[in-house]
């Protein structure tokens, strides 16, 4: 359980730092792009979405290595031992959907709970960032 706790903390730090950097880069470079201001919002949305996909991938890799290389738990339900299953499970956990068709066993449960909390916070951060970008770039008088 100690290894799972340490890895969960490292994943929170890695995903939060990644998210910070994605939002920082978007803040720095999107205003410089020579496209209509409203179109910049699409860059913001796709950029933050890409950041979330990367963060989901971090957790999926962690599940893969913990299960297959460190034997720190398993998965029950309709789990197929391939990377797409790890990605699917990570995405449903990160977004707090939690469908329940795949569920963790053993120390992986701790990482799953931490991922859900981390995803919830990072998605909220993205929502507030997007709102601020809309205030900045959305101009009612602009004609598309």
Protein backbone atom coordinates (compact mmCIF):
# COMPACT_ATOMS: atom_id res chain seq x y z
CA UNK A 1 0.00 0.00 0.00
CA UNK A 2 2.97 2.31 0.62
CA UNK A 3 4.10 2.01 -3.00
CA UNK A 4 0.58 2.82 -4.21
CA UNK A 5 0.43 5.87 -1.91
CA UNK A 6 3.77 7.18 -3.12
CA UNK A 7 2.86 6.60 -6.74
CA UNK A 8 -0.54 8.29 -6.26
CA UNK A 9 1.22 11.37 -4.86
CA UNK A 10 3.69 11.39 -7.75
CA UNK A 11 0.85 11.10 -10.26
CA UNK A 12 -0.95 14.05 -8.69
CA UNK A 13 2.22 16.14 -8.91
CA UNK A 14 2.95 15.04 -12.50
CA UNK A 15 -0.59 15.62 -13.77
CA UNK A 16 -0.97 18.96 -11.97
CA UNK A 17 2.38 20.20 -13.28
CA UNK A 18 1.45 19.03 -16.79
CA UNK A 19 -1.90 20.79 -16.57
CA UNK A 20 -0.26 23.96 -15.32
CA UNK A 21 2.20 23.92 -18.23
CA UNK A 22 -0.52 23.26 -20.83
CA UNK A 23 -2.58 26.19 -19.53
CA UNK A 24 0.49 28.41 -19.27
CA UNK A 25 1.51 27.67 -22.86
CA UNK A 26 -2.02 28.28 -24.09
CA UNK A 27 -2.10 31.59 -22.22
CA UNK A 28 1.20 32.66 -23.72
CA UNK A 29 0.75 31.59 -27.34
CA UNK A 30 -2.96 31.64 -28.19
CA UNK A 31 -3.21 35.47 -28.10
CA UNK A 32 -0.40 35.61 -30.71
CA UNK A 33 -2.13 33.32 -33.20
CA UNK A 34 -3.39 35.25 -36.22
CA UNK A 35 -6.91 33.91 -36.33
CA UNK A 36 -10.25 35.36 -35.34
CA UNK A 37 -10.62 35.81 -31.58
CA UNK A 38 -13.53 33.38 -31.37
CA UNK A 39 -11.50 30.73 -33.19
CA UNK A 40 -8.86 31.09 -30.49
CA UNK A 41 -11.37 29.56 -28.10
CA UNK A 42 -11.30 26.38 -30.16
CA UNK A 43 -7.53 26.27 -29.74
CA UNK A 44 -8.04 26.72 -25.99
CA UNK A 45 -10.62 23.91 -25.88
CA UNK A 46 -8.59 21.45 -27.97
CA UNK A 47 -5.43 22.34 -26.05
CA UNK A 48 -6.99 21.70 -22.65
CA UNK A 49 -8.62 18.52 -23.97
CA UNK A 50 -5.21 17.30 -25.15
CA UNK A 51 -3.78 18.04 -21.72
CA UNK A 52 -6.50 15.96 -20.08
CA UNK A 53 -5.83 13.07 -22.49
CA UNK A 54 -2.15 13.18 -21.58
CA UNK A 55 -2.98 13.13 -17.87
CA UNK A 56 -5.36 10.19 -18.36
CA UNK A 57 -2.52 8.44 -20.16
CA UNK A 58 -0.22 8.93 -17.15
CA UNK A 59 -2.67 7.13 -14.91
CA UNK A 60 -3.26 4.39 -17.49
CA UNK A 61 0.48 3.74 -17.65
CA UNK A 62 0.62 3.62 -13.87
CA UNK A 63 -2.20 1.05 -13.74
CA UNK A 64 -0.44 -1.03 -16.38
CA UNK A 65 2.89 -1.05 -14.58
CA UNK A 66 1.42 -1.58 -11.13
CA UNK A 67 -0.70 -4.51 -12.26
CA UNK A 68 1.58 -6.22 -14.77
CA UNK A 69 5.04 -5.41 -13.44
CA UNK A 70 4.65 -4.86 -9.70
CA UNK A 71 1.64 -7.13 -9.03
CA UNK A 72 -0.06 -4.48 -6.88
CA UNK A 73 -3.64 -5.38 -7.59
CA UNK A 74 -5.86 -6.43 -10.41
CA UNK A 75 -9.05 -5.49 -12.19
CA UNK A 76 -12.40 -7.19 -12.02
CA UNK A 77 -15.39 -7.04 -14.28
CA UNK A 78 -15.15 -6.93 -18.06
CA UNK A 79 -11.42 -6.22 -18.12
CA UNK A 80 -9.26 -7.24 -21.07
CA UNK A 81 -5.53 -7.02 -20.39
CA UNK A 82 -4.64 -4.51 -23.12
CA UNK A 83 -3.69 -0.86 -22.99
CA UNK A 84 -7.04 0.35 -24.32
CA UNK A 85 -8.70 -1.16 -21.24
CA UNK A 86 -6.31 0.77 -19.00
CA UNK A 87 -7.05 3.96 -20.93
CA UNK A 88 -10.79 3.36 -20.76
CA UNK A 89 -10.67 2.69 -17.02
CA UNK A 90 -8.49 5.74 -16.44
CA UNK A 91 -10.79 7.98 -18.49
CA UNK A 92 -13.90 6.86 -16.66
CA UNK A 93 -12.14 7.34 -13.33
CA UNK A 94 -10.57 10.72 -14.20
CA UNK A 95 -13.91 12.09 -15.35
CA UNK A 96 -15.66 10.50 -12.34
CA UNK A 97 -18.10 8.64 -14.59
CA UNK A 98 -17.32 5.37 -12.83
CA UNK A 99 -19.47 3.05 -14.92
CA UNK A 100 -18.50 0.01 -12.88
CA UNK A 101 -17.98 -2.45 -15.71
CA UNK A 102 -14.29 -2.50 -14.70
CA UNK A 103 -13.26 -2.10 -11.09
CA UNK A 104 -9.90 -2.15 -9.26
CA UNK A 105 -8.84 -4.68 -6.68
CA UNK A 106 -6.14 -4.32 -4.06
CA UNK A 107 -3.91 -1.25 -3.71
CA UNK A 108 -5.03 0.02 -7.12
CA UNK A 109 -8.21 1.20 -5.40
CA UNK A 110 -6.27 3.96 -3.63
CA UNK A 111 -4.86 5.30 -6.90
CA UNK A 112 -8.32 5.16 -8.45
CA UNK A 113 -9.78 7.36 -5.71
CA UNK A 114 -6.92 9.83 -5.98
CA UNK A 115 -7.29 9.95 -9.78
CA UNK A 116 -10.99 10.79 -9.48
CA UNK A 117 -10.28 13.67 -7.09
CA UNK A 118 -7.37 14.89 -9.22
CA UNK A 119 -9.42 14.74 -12.41
CA UNK A 120 -12.29 16.61 -10.81
CA UNK A 121 -9.97 19.42 -9.72
CA UNK A 122 -8.17 19.64 -13.06
CA UNK A 123 -11.41 19.63 -15.05
CA UNK A 124 -12.68 22.47 -12.84
CA UNK A 125 -9.44 24.35 -13.44
CA UNK A 126 -9.93 23.92 -17.20
CA UNK A 127 -13.50 25.17 -16.96
CA UNK A 128 -12.48 28.36 -15.17
CA UNK A 129 -9.57 28.87 -17.60
CA UNK A 130 -11.94 28.49 -20.56
CA UNK A 131 -14.39 30.93 -18.99
CA UNK A 132 -11.64 33.54 -18.61
CA UNK A 133 -10.55 32.95 -22.21
CA UNK A 134 -14.13 33.45 -23.38
CA UNK A 135 -14.29 36.76 -21.56
CA UNK A 136 -11.08 37.80 -23.28
CA UNK A 137 -11.67 36.54 -26.83
CA UNK A 138 -15.43 36.45 -27.28
CA UNK A 139 -16.54 39.63 -28.95
CA UNK A 140 -20.26 39.89 -29.69
CA UNK A 141 -19.70 42.47 -32.44
CA UNK A 142 -17.31 40.27 -34.37
CA UNK A 143 -18.82 38.66 -37.46
CA UNK A 144 -17.73 35.13 -38.33
